[in-house]
Amino acid sequence: MTTKILISRRSIQLLRILVSGIFLVAGFNHLLNVEKTAQRIEQANFAGFANFFGEPQWLIILSGIVMLVAGFLFLIGYKTKWAAIILMAVLIPITLTVQVGQITTLGPLFKNIAILGGLLFFILNDTNNLLK
């Protein structure tokens, strides 16, 4: 048995806009600061995880482009579920590489976990067919 819950359309729009912002900023940051971002990866406790997927500079450029495109689609609400899945697919390896293992700074790790929660909301719910 499924229960329908009424959710304000405006709250869905605001959540989508607020969550998309971090991906747009991070995407630009990746593209404008490739070397600096690569140094962060090299200094991370789990840098080998990123290296498994390829050359860090190319991964940074690719992830920057993906975050900008998917972040924009997420922002405007076009193919929101797929944009959220793509953003999650980018966020998980970044989180595992850079934030996991940084015991002195747990804030960024839990920030990413919260963002994953926001993305999961859009993945698990059909926000295009709201009741209210």
C-alpha atoms as a PDB file:
ATOM      1  CA  MET A   1       0.000   0.000   0.000  1.00  0.00           C
ATOM      2  CA  THR A   2       1.397   3.383  -0.957  1.00  0.00           C
ATOM      3  CA  THR A   3       0.512   6.529   0.876  1.00  0.00           C
ATOM      4  CA  LYS A   4       0.391   9.830  -0.939  1.00  0.00           C
ATOM      5  CA  ILE A   5       1.911  12.795   0.836  1.00  0.00           C
ATOM      6  CA  LEU A   6       1.135  16.347  -0.184  1.00  0.00           C
ATOM      7  CA  ILE A   7       4.270  18.396  -0.718  1.00  0.00           C
ATOM      8  CA  SER A   8       4.470  22.030  -1.657  1.00  0.00           C
ATOM      9  CA  ARG A   9       5.678  22.487  -5.232  1.00  0.00           C
ATOM     10  CA  ARG A  10       7.586  25.590  -4.092  1.00  0.00           C
ATOM     11  CA  SER A  11       9.543  23.584  -1.484  1.00  0.00           C
ATOM     12  CA  ILE A  12      10.579  21.091  -4.172  1.00  0.00           C
ATOM     13  CA  GLN A  13      11.734  23.916  -6.439  1.00  0.00           C
ATOM     14  CA  LEU A  14      13.699  25.563  -3.636  1.00  0.00           C
ATOM     15  CA  LEU A  15      15.356  22.298  -2.617  1.00  0.00           C
ATOM     16  CA  ARG A  16      16.340  21.619  -6.229  1.00  0.00           C
ATOM     17  CA  ILE A  17      17.756  25.138  -6.660  1.00  0.00           C
ATOM     18  CA  LEU A  18      19.686  25.056  -3.392  1.00  0.00           C
ATOM     19  CA  VAL A  19      21.186  21.608  -4.002  1.00  0.00           C
ATOM     20  CA  SER A  20      22.158  22.453  -7.588  1.00  0.00           C
ATOM     21  CA  GLY A  21      24.196  25.463  -6.481  1.00  0.00           C
ATOM     22  CA  ILE A  22      27.027  23.440  -5.004  1.00  0.00           C
ATOM     23  CA  PHE A  23      27.458  21.463  -8.219  1.00  0.00           C
ATOM     24  CA  LEU A  24      27.514  24.572 -10.392  1.00  0.00           C
ATOM     25  CA  VAL A  25      30.125  26.237  -8.163  1.00  0.00           C
ATOM     26  CA  ALA A  26      32.190  23.047  -7.871  1.00  0.00           C
ATOM     27  CA  GLY A  27      32.000  22.438 -11.623  1.00  0.00           C
ATOM     28  CA  PHE A  28      33.353  25.913 -12.374  1.00  0.00           C
ATOM     29  CA  ASN A  29      35.987  25.472  -9.667  1.00  0.00           C
ATOM     30  CA  HIS A  30      37.143  22.175 -11.168  1.00  0.00           C
ATOM     31  CA  LEU A  31      37.532  23.734 -14.612  1.00  0.00           C
ATOM     32  CA  LEU A  32      39.184  26.945 -13.422  1.00  0.00           C
ATOM     33  CA  ASN A  33      41.541  25.319 -10.886  1.00  0.00           C
ATOM     34  CA  VAL A  34      42.546  21.972 -12.378  1.00  0.00           C
ATOM     35  CA  GLU A  35      46.065  21.934 -10.887  1.00  0.00           C
ATOM     36  CA  LYS A  36      44.959  23.033  -7.415  1.00  0.00           C
ATOM     37  CA  THR A  37      42.211  20.395  -7.396  1.00  0.00           C
ATOM     38  CA  ALA A  38      44.679  17.749  -8.603  1.00  0.00           C
ATOM     39  CA  GLN A  39      46.964  18.627  -5.673  1.00  0.00           C
ATOM     40  CA  ARG A  40      44.058  18.073  -3.267  1.00  0.00           C
ATOM     41  CA  ILE A  41      43.523  14.635  -4.766  1.00  0.00           C
ATOM     42  CA  GLU A  42      47.220  13.791  -4.543  1.00  0.00           C
ATOM     43  CA  GLN A  43      47.266  14.798  -0.856  1.00  0.00           C
ATOM     44  CA  ALA A  44      44.109  12.840   0.010  1.00  0.00           C
ATOM     45  CA  ASN A  45      44.381   9.664   2.067  1.00  0.00           C
ATOM     46  CA  PHE A  46      42.575   7.694  -0.643  1.00  0.00           C
ATOM     47  CA  ALA A  47      44.232   9.230  -3.718  1.00  0.00           C
ATOM     48  CA  GLY A  48      44.700   5.729  -5.121  1.00  0.00           C
ATOM     49  CA  PHE A  49      40.938   5.446  -5.507  1.00  0.00           C
ATOM     50  CA  ALA A  50      40.901   8.376  -7.935  1.00  0.00           C
ATOM     51  CA  ASN A  51      43.977   7.119  -9.758  1.00  0.00           C
ATOM     52  CA  PHE A  52      42.175   3.822 -10.337  1.00  0.00           C
ATOM     53  CA  PHE A  53      39.723   5.673 -12.600  1.00  0.00           C
ATOM     54  CA  GLY A  54      42.341   7.547 -14.594  1.00  0.00           C
ATOM     55  CA  GLU A  55      44.578  10.583 -14.748  1.00  0.00           C
ATOM     56  CA  PRO A  56      43.440  13.083 -12.060  1.00  0.00           C
ATOM     57  CA  GLN A  57      43.612  16.120 -14.384  1.00  0.00           C
ATOM     58  CA  TRP A  58      41.287  14.482 -16.925  1.00  0.00           C
ATOM     59  CA  LEU A  59      38.954  13.286 -14.174  1.00  0.00           C
ATOM     60  CA  ILE A  60      38.789  16.833 -12.797  1.00  0.00           C
ATOM     61  CA  ILE A  61      37.958  18.308 -16.203  1.00  0.00           C
ATOM     62  CA  LEU A  62      35.387  15.585 -16.931  1.00  0.00           C
ATOM     63  CA  SER A  63      33.775  15.895 -13.499  1.00  0.00           C
ATOM     64  CA  GLY A  64      33.689  19.695 -13.874  1.00  0.00           C
ATOM     65  CA  ILE A  65      31.855  19.445 -17.180  1.00  0.00           C
ATOM     66  CA  VAL A  66      29.455  16.802 -15.857  1.00  0.00           C
ATOM     67  CA  MET A  67      28.705  18.823 -12.712  1.00  0.00           C
ATOM     68  CA  LEU A  68      27.988  21.934 -14.791  1.00  0.00           C
ATOM     69  CA  VAL A  69      25.710  20.182 -17.280  1.00  0.00           C
ATOM     70  CA  ALA A  70      23.876  17.927 -14.818  1.00  0.00           C
ATOM     71  CA  GLY A  71      23.802  20.715 -12.215  1.00  0.00           C
ATOM     72  CA  PHE A  72      22.152  23.065 -14.704  1.00  0.00           C
ATOM     73  CA  LEU A  73      19.607  20.434 -15.765  1.00  0.00           C
ATOM     74  CA  PHE A  74      18.891  19.771 -12.092  1.00  0.00           C
ATOM     75  CA  LEU A  75      18.540  23.518 -11.462  1.00  0.00           C
ATOM     76  CA  ILE A  76      15.931  24.003 -14.186  1.00  0.00           C
ATOM     77  CA  GLY A  77      14.121  20.762 -13.352  1.00  0.00           C
ATOM     78  CA  TYR A  78      14.720  19.019 -16.673  1.00  0.00           C
ATOM     79  CA  LYS A  79      15.188  15.238 -16.341  1.00  0.00           C
ATOM     80  CA  THR A  80      15.637  15.849 -12.625  1.00  0.00           C
ATOM     81  CA  LYS A  81      15.841  12.183 -11.631  1.00  0.00           C
ATOM     82  CA  TRP A  82      18.557  11.442 -14.221  1.00  0.00           C
ATOM     83  CA  ALA A  83      20.468  14.610 -13.366  1.00  0.00           C
ATOM     84  CA  ALA A  84      20.385  13.574  -9.687  1.00  0.00           C
ATOM     85  CA  ILE A  85      21.661  10.077 -10.546  1.00  0.00           C
ATOM     86  CA  ILE A  86      24.527  11.542 -12.585  1.00  0.00           C
ATOM     87  CA  LEU A  87      25.402  14.042  -9.857  1.00  0.00           C
ATOM     88  CA  MET A  88      25.393  11.243  -7.294  1.00  0.00           C
ATOM     89  CA  ALA A  89      27.671   9.173  -9.531  1.00  0.00           C
ATOM     90  CA  VAL A  90      30.146  12.084  -9.536  1.00  0.00           C
ATOM     91  CA  LEU A  91      29.791  12.946  -5.858  1.00  0.00           C
ATOM     92  CA  ILE A  92      30.391   9.464  -4.453  1.00  0.00           C
ATOM     93  CA  PRO A  93      33.937   8.975  -5.839  1.00  0.00           C
ATOM     94  CA  ILE A  94      34.855  12.569  -4.925  1.00  0.00           C
ATOM     95  CA  THR A  95      33.631  11.969  -1.377  1.00  0.00           C
ATOM     96  CA  LEU A  96      35.440   8.638  -1.092  1.00  0.00           C
ATOM     97  CA  THR A  97      38.671  10.089  -2.449  1.00  0.00           C
ATOM     98  CA  VAL A  98      38.882  13.462  -0.746  1.00  0.00           C
ATOM     99  CA  GLN A  99      36.638  13.518   2.339  1.00  0.00           C
ATOM    100  CA  VAL A 100      36.798   9.969   3.701  1.00  0.00           C
ATOM    101  CA  GLY A 101      39.870   9.614   5.841  1.00  0.00           C
ATOM    102  CA  GLN A 102      40.070  13.298   6.724  1.00  0.00           C
ATOM    103  CA  ILE A 103      39.382  12.663  10.406  1.00  0.00           C
ATOM    104  CA  THR A 104      40.294  16.221  11.421  1.00  0.00           C
ATOM    105  CA  THR A 105      37.673  17.783   9.126  1.00  0.00           C
ATOM    106  CA  LEU A 106      34.474  15.769   9.214  1.00  0.00           C
ATOM    107  CA  GLY A 107      32.310  18.739   8.165  1.00  0.00           C
ATOM    108  CA  PRO A 108      32.915  18.335   4.404  1.00  0.00           C
ATOM    109  CA  LEU A 109      32.223  14.596   4.641  1.00  0.00           C
ATOM    110  CA  PHE A 110      28.861  15.135   6.313  1.00  0.00           C
ATOM    111  CA  LYS A 111      28.079  18.016   3.929  1.00  0.00           C
ATOM    112  CA  ASN A 112      28.462  15.561   1.057  1.00  0.00           C
ATOM    113  CA  ILE A 113      26.349  12.991   2.887  1.00  0.00           C
ATOM    114  CA  ALA A 114      23.604  15.618   3.283  1.00  0.00           C
ATOM    115  CA  ILE A 115      23.851  16.486  -0.416  1.00  0.00           C
ATOM    116  CA  LEU A 116      23.550  12.781  -1.249  1.00  0.00           C
ATOM    117  CA  GLY A 117      20.362  12.761   0.844  1.00  0.00           C
ATOM    118  CA  GLY A 118      18.972  15.659  -1.188  1.00  0.00           C
ATOM    119  CA  LEU A 119      19.814  13.888  -4.437  1.00  0.00           C
ATOM    120  CA  LEU A 120      18.232  10.660  -3.173  1.00  0.00           C
ATOM    121  CA  PHE A 121      15.005  12.566  -2.528  1.00  0.00           C
ATOM    122  CA  PHE A 122      14.797  13.418  -6.232  1.00  0.00           C
ATOM    123  CA  ILE A 123      15.845   9.939  -7.314  1.00  0.00           C
ATOM    124  CA  LEU A 124      13.263   8.179  -5.168  1.00  0.00           C
ATOM    125  CA  ASN A 125      10.343  10.574  -5.706  1.00  0.00           C
ATOM    126  CA  ASP A 126       8.525  11.601  -8.844  1.00  0.00           C
ATOM    127  CA  THR A 127       8.714  15.343  -8.298  1.00  0.00           C
ATOM    128  CA  ASN A 128       7.265  16.102 -11.724  1.00  0.00           C
ATOM    129  CA  ASN A 129       3.817  14.869 -10.704  1.00  0.00           C
ATOM    130  CA  LEU A 130       3.210  16.658  -7.428  1.00  0.00           C
ATOM    131  CA  LEU A 131      -0.244  16.661  -5.942  1.00  0.00           C
ATOM    132  CA  LYS A 132      -0.096  20.169  -4.545  1.00  0.00           C
END
